Amino acid sequence: MDLLPADVAGGAAAALIVASFFTSALTAAFGIGGGVALLTVMGYLLPVASLIPVHGVVQLGSNTGRALIQRAHIDWSAALPFLAGSLVGVALGTPFVVRLDDPLLKVGLGAFIIAVTWVRLPALARGGPALFAGGGLVTAFLTMFFGATGPLTAAFLGRSLPDRRQYSGTHAAIMTAQHGFKVIAFGLTGFAFVTWLPLLVAMVAAGFAGTAAGARLLARLPEARFRLAFSLLLTVLALDLIRRGLAAMF
């Protein structure tokens, strides 16, 4: 078996491995951002048809490591309803597994993320099984097309989980499951993961190392500083979604 797929050069593979380390560290430290950043890098280096499934495997590995490191802080009362909704969302999205690039949807997602980050919404602060299950359904459905919906998941969780480690662990558990469901769905629809195996193993290993490095920074961050950095980073990602949507429109 060749070490790399035919349409991935050695330099591109090396860049992807390095990017996996740093983007995983970003997510582990601030709870958000790494998946979107990695997807952006991969968009320049990988064929379009392989982008979402390969990204899903790498994010599965990265979030599994984050969930293991933060396992003591996972809030299962939030995670389990979210996972139940995620199963429904993946099941609904699987028949439509295509790379959707809908400019209007990007703008809408960005605006929604900004709203729930900065506007007081009591329902999000209260949380509850119904909200979490609904959030799981929506985000899992969208991840089949966009790949990196971590910011949207964070929007549902950020207000209702007040401790940064509790948020990070719960978010990691949910994203692990969502990416796992997505990888299974792509496998069932015929994507040839085996041809990508050596590169995927290297990227997952680099991602785990990055997660460990980022988790040490998370442990040292004061809660208030983490919340401010989290909100600002979420806003930057949302604004970039809006920018890309508007650029595609005009």
Protein backbone atom coordinates (compact mmCIF):
# COMPACT_ATOMS: atom_id res chain seq x y z
CA MET A 1 0.00 0.00 0.00
CA ASP A 2 1.33 3.47 -0.88
CA LEU A 3 2.02 5.73 2.07
CA LEU A 4 0.11 8.62 0.50
CA PRO A 5 -2.91 8.89 -1.80
CA ALA A 6 -1.94 9.56 -5.41
CA ASP A 7 -3.17 13.15 -5.37
CA VAL A 8 -1.42 14.23 -2.11
CA ALA A 9 2.22 15.35 -2.36
CA GLY A 10 4.79 14.78 0.38
CA GLY A 11 5.04 18.47 1.24
CA ALA A 12 1.27 18.74 1.55
CA ALA A 13 1.20 15.71 3.84
CA ALA A 14 3.88 17.23 6.08
CA ALA A 15 1.96 20.51 6.25
CA LEU A 16 -1.21 18.65 7.22
CA ILE A 17 0.55 16.79 10.03
CA VAL A 18 1.97 20.03 11.46
CA ALA A 19 -1.42 21.73 11.10
CA SER A 20 -3.07 18.86 12.99
CA PHE A 21 -0.77 19.47 15.98
CA PHE A 22 -1.34 23.22 16.21
CA THR A 23 -5.08 23.19 15.51
CA SER A 24 -5.64 20.46 18.11
CA ALA A 25 -3.68 22.54 20.63
CA LEU A 26 -5.90 25.53 19.81
CA THR A 27 -9.09 23.56 20.46
CA ALA A 28 -7.77 22.00 23.67
CA ALA A 29 -6.72 25.39 25.06
CA PHE A 30 -9.77 27.46 24.10
CA GLY A 31 -12.44 24.83 23.46
CA ILE A 32 -13.05 25.93 19.89
CA GLY A 33 -11.47 26.92 16.59
CA GLY A 34 -9.13 24.09 15.70
CA GLY A 35 -11.57 22.15 13.55
CA VAL A 36 -12.42 25.18 11.43
CA ALA A 37 -8.76 26.17 11.10
CA LEU A 38 -7.76 22.66 10.04
CA LEU A 39 -10.60 22.46 7.53
CA THR A 40 -9.38 25.73 6.00
CA VAL A 41 -5.83 24.37 5.61
CA MET A 42 -7.10 21.09 4.22
CA GLY A 43 -9.22 22.97 1.70
CA TYR A 44 -6.03 24.20 0.04
CA LEU A 45 -4.21 20.85 0.09
CA LEU A 46 -6.74 18.07 -0.46
CA PRO A 47 -9.17 17.11 -3.24
CA VAL A 48 -12.68 18.38 -2.58
CA ALA A 49 -14.25 14.90 -2.59
CA SER A 50 -12.04 13.73 0.29
CA LEU A 51 -12.14 16.89 2.38
CA ILE A 52 -15.06 16.24 4.76
CA PRO A 53 -14.48 12.49 5.43
CA VAL A 54 -10.71 12.88 6.00
CA HIS A 55 -11.30 15.91 8.22
CA GLY A 56 -13.86 13.84 10.15
CA VAL A 57 -11.33 11.10 10.97
CA VAL A 58 -8.69 13.59 12.12
CA GLN A 59 -11.21 15.44 14.27
CA LEU A 60 -12.43 12.14 15.69
CA GLY A 61 -8.89 11.42 16.87
CA SER A 62 -8.28 14.93 18.17
CA ASN A 63 -11.54 15.13 20.12
CA THR A 64 -11.14 11.60 21.49
CA GLY A 65 -7.83 12.67 23.01
CA ARG A 66 -9.40 15.84 24.41
CA ALA A 67 -12.32 13.87 25.86
CA LEU A 68 -9.97 11.38 27.53
CA ILE A 69 -7.84 14.14 29.08
CA GLN A 70 -10.93 16.04 30.28
CA ARG A 71 -13.09 12.96 31.05
CA ALA A 72 -13.52 13.84 34.73
CA HIS A 73 -15.23 17.11 33.75
CA ILE A 74 -17.77 15.79 31.20
CA ASP A 75 -21.36 16.76 32.08
CA TRP A 76 -23.27 13.69 30.91
CA SER A 77 -26.64 15.32 31.63
CA ALA A 78 -25.86 17.63 28.70
CA ALA A 79 -23.82 15.21 26.60
CA LEU A 80 -26.27 12.28 26.45
CA PRO A 81 -29.29 14.25 25.08
CA PHE A 82 -26.95 15.97 22.63
CA LEU A 83 -25.70 12.57 21.43
CA ALA A 84 -29.24 11.25 21.05
CA GLY A 85 -30.13 14.23 18.88
CA SER A 86 -26.87 13.77 16.95
CA LEU A 87 -27.84 10.25 15.93
CA VAL A 88 -31.05 11.58 14.44
CA GLY A 89 -29.21 14.43 12.70
CA VAL A 90 -26.65 12.11 11.08
CA ALA A 91 -29.39 9.73 9.98
CA LEU A 92 -31.26 12.61 8.34
CA GLY A 93 -28.11 13.98 6.68
CA THR A 94 -26.62 10.72 5.37
CA PRO A 95 -28.86 10.44 2.26
CA PHE A 96 -27.68 13.91 1.24
CA VAL A 97 -23.92 13.40 1.71
CA VAL A 98 -22.55 16.02 -0.63
CA ARG A 99 -20.30 19.01 -0.08
CA LEU A 100 -22.81 21.76 0.44
CA ASP A 101 -21.54 25.30 -0.05
CA ASP A 102 -24.60 27.41 0.51
CA PRO A 103 -23.62 31.09 0.94
CA LEU A 104 -26.90 32.06 2.60
CA LEU A 105 -26.56 29.24 5.12
CA LYS A 106 -23.02 30.37 5.99
CA VAL A 107 -24.27 33.90 6.67
CA GLY A 108 -27.15 32.57 8.76
CA LEU A 109 -24.90 30.29 10.81
CA GLY A 110 -22.45 33.11 11.46
CA ALA A 111 -25.19 35.49 12.58
CA PHE A 112 -26.70 32.82 14.84
CA ILE A 113 -23.35 32.09 16.51
CA ILE A 114 -22.74 35.81 17.18
CA ALA A 115 -26.25 36.19 18.61
CA VAL A 116 -25.99 33.32 21.07
CA THR A 117 -22.46 34.39 22.07
CA TRP A 118 -23.21 38.02 22.93
CA VAL A 119 -26.99 38.33 23.41
CA ARG A 120 -28.56 37.18 26.67
CA LEU A 121 -30.72 34.15 25.86
CA PRO A 122 -32.14 32.66 29.09
CA ALA A 123 -33.10 29.38 27.40
CA LEU A 124 -29.47 28.66 26.51
CA ALA A 125 -28.32 29.48 30.02
CA ARG A 126 -30.92 27.08 31.48
CA GLY A 127 -29.99 24.27 29.09
CA GLY A 128 -32.07 21.16 29.59
CA PRO A 129 -32.49 17.86 27.71
CA ALA A 130 -34.82 19.25 25.03
CA LEU A 131 -32.44 22.09 24.12
CA PHE A 132 -29.42 19.78 24.08
CA ALA A 133 -31.20 17.15 21.98
CA GLY A 134 -32.31 19.81 19.50
CA GLY A 135 -28.78 21.19 19.36
CA GLY A 136 -27.41 17.72 18.69
CA LEU A 137 -29.84 17.15 15.82
CA VAL A 138 -29.08 20.47 14.11
CA THR A 139 -25.30 20.39 14.50
CA ALA A 140 -24.93 16.72 13.52
CA PHE A 141 -27.03 17.25 10.40
CA LEU A 142 -24.93 20.26 9.38
CA THR A 143 -21.59 18.55 10.09
CA MET A 144 -22.33 16.08 7.28
CA PHE A 145 -21.95 18.98 4.85
CA PHE A 146 -19.74 21.59 6.48
CA GLY A 147 -17.37 19.31 8.41
CA ALA A 148 -16.48 21.75 11.20
CA THR A 149 -19.56 22.72 13.20
CA GLY A 150 -17.73 22.97 16.53
CA PRO A 151 -18.55 26.70 16.86
CA LEU A 152 -22.26 25.98 16.50
CA THR A 153 -22.07 23.19 19.08
CA ALA A 154 -20.18 25.56 21.35
CA ALA A 155 -22.95 28.11 20.98
CA PHE A 156 -25.43 25.63 22.44
CA LEU A 157 -23.12 24.62 25.31
CA GLY A 158 -21.15 27.73 26.22
CA ARG A 159 -23.86 29.49 28.21
CA SER A 160 -25.21 26.47 30.09
CA LEU A 161 -21.86 25.03 31.26
CA PRO A 162 -20.24 27.69 33.47
CA ASP A 163 -16.88 25.99 34.16
CA ARG A 164 -14.29 26.04 31.34
CA ARG A 165 -13.12 22.48 32.01
CA GLN A 166 -16.70 21.20 32.19
CA TYR A 167 -17.44 22.92 28.89
CA SER A 168 -14.25 21.63 27.24
CA GLY A 169 -14.78 18.03 28.34
CA THR A 170 -18.45 17.97 27.38
CA HIS A 171 -17.80 19.62 24.02
CA ALA A 172 -15.02 17.10 23.34
CA ALA A 173 -17.27 14.13 24.14
CA ILE A 174 -20.03 15.44 21.88
CA MET A 175 -17.69 16.23 18.98
CA THR A 176 -16.04 12.80 19.32
CA ALA A 177 -19.41 11.13 18.90
CA GLN A 178 -20.56 13.41 16.07
CA HIS A 179 -17.37 12.89 14.06
CA GLY A 180 -17.56 9.16 14.79
CA PHE A 181 -21.11 8.97 13.48
CA LYS A 182 -20.07 10.97 10.41
CA VAL A 183 -17.07 8.71 9.64
CA ILE A 184 -19.31 5.64 9.86
CA ALA A 185 -21.82 7.29 7.52
CA PHE A 186 -19.13 8.11 4.94
CA GLY A 187 -17.79 4.57 5.22
CA LEU A 188 -21.22 3.16 4.54
CA THR A 189 -21.57 5.37 1.48
CA GLY A 190 -18.32 3.97 0.04
CA PHE A 191 -15.50 6.38 0.89
CA ALA A 192 -12.14 4.50 0.67
CA PHE A 193 -10.56 5.40 4.02
CA VAL A 194 -7.91 2.65 3.67
CA THR A 195 -6.00 4.58 0.99
CA TRP A 196 -5.61 7.46 3.47
CA LEU A 197 -4.65 5.31 6.47
CA PRO A 198 -0.90 6.18 6.91
CA LEU A 199 -1.56 9.92 6.60
CA LEU A 200 -4.57 9.69 8.92
CA VAL A 201 -2.54 7.82 11.57
CA ALA A 202 0.20 10.47 11.44
CA MET A 203 -2.29 13.35 11.66
CA VAL A 204 -4.19 11.76 14.55
CA ALA A 205 -0.92 11.15 16.45
CA ALA A 206 0.15 14.77 15.90
CA GLY A 207 -3.29 15.92 16.96
CA PHE A 208 -3.09 13.99 20.23
CA ALA A 209 0.26 15.60 21.00
CA GLY A 210 -1.25 19.01 20.28
CA THR A 211 -4.23 18.24 22.50
CA ALA A 212 -1.96 17.38 25.41
CA ALA A 213 -0.06 20.65 24.96
CA GLY A 214 -3.25 22.72 24.73
CA ALA A 215 -4.81 21.03 27.77
CA ARG A 216 -1.91 22.22 29.93
CA LEU A 217 -2.63 25.80 28.87
CA LEU A 218 -6.36 25.35 29.60
CA ALA A 219 -5.57 24.28 33.16
CA ARG A 220 -3.61 27.50 33.76
CA LEU A 221 -6.12 29.94 32.23
CA PRO A 222 -8.29 31.96 34.67
CA GLU A 223 -12.01 31.41 34.10
CA ALA A 224 -12.77 35.03 33.17
CA ARG A 225 -9.90 35.20 30.69
CA PHE A 226 -10.94 31.89 29.14
CA ARG A 227 -14.53 33.11 28.71
CA LEU A 228 -13.40 36.34 27.03
CA ALA A 229 -10.98 34.52 24.71
CA PHE A 230 -13.65 31.92 23.97
CA SER A 231 -16.25 34.56 23.05
CA LEU A 232 -13.82 36.56 20.91
CA LEU A 233 -12.59 33.49 19.05
CA LEU A 234 -16.14 32.30 18.47
CA THR A 235 -17.00 35.74 17.07
CA VAL A 236 -13.99 35.75 14.72
CA LEU A 237 -14.99 32.35 13.36
CA ALA A 238 -18.60 33.49 12.92
CA LEU A 239 -17.53 36.66 11.11
CA ASP A 240 -15.36 34.58 8.79
CA LEU A 241 -18.38 32.38 8.02
CA ILE A 242 -20.38 35.50 7.13
CA ARG A 243 -17.49 36.87 5.03
CA ARG A 244 -17.21 33.65 3.03
CA GLY A 245 -20.96 33.51 2.52
CA LEU A 246 -21.13 37.10 1.30
CA ALA A 247 -18.09 36.65 -0.93
CA ALA A 248 -19.78 33.68 -2.62
CA MET A 249 -22.97 35.70 -3.12
CA PHE A 250 -21.25 38.69 -4.69
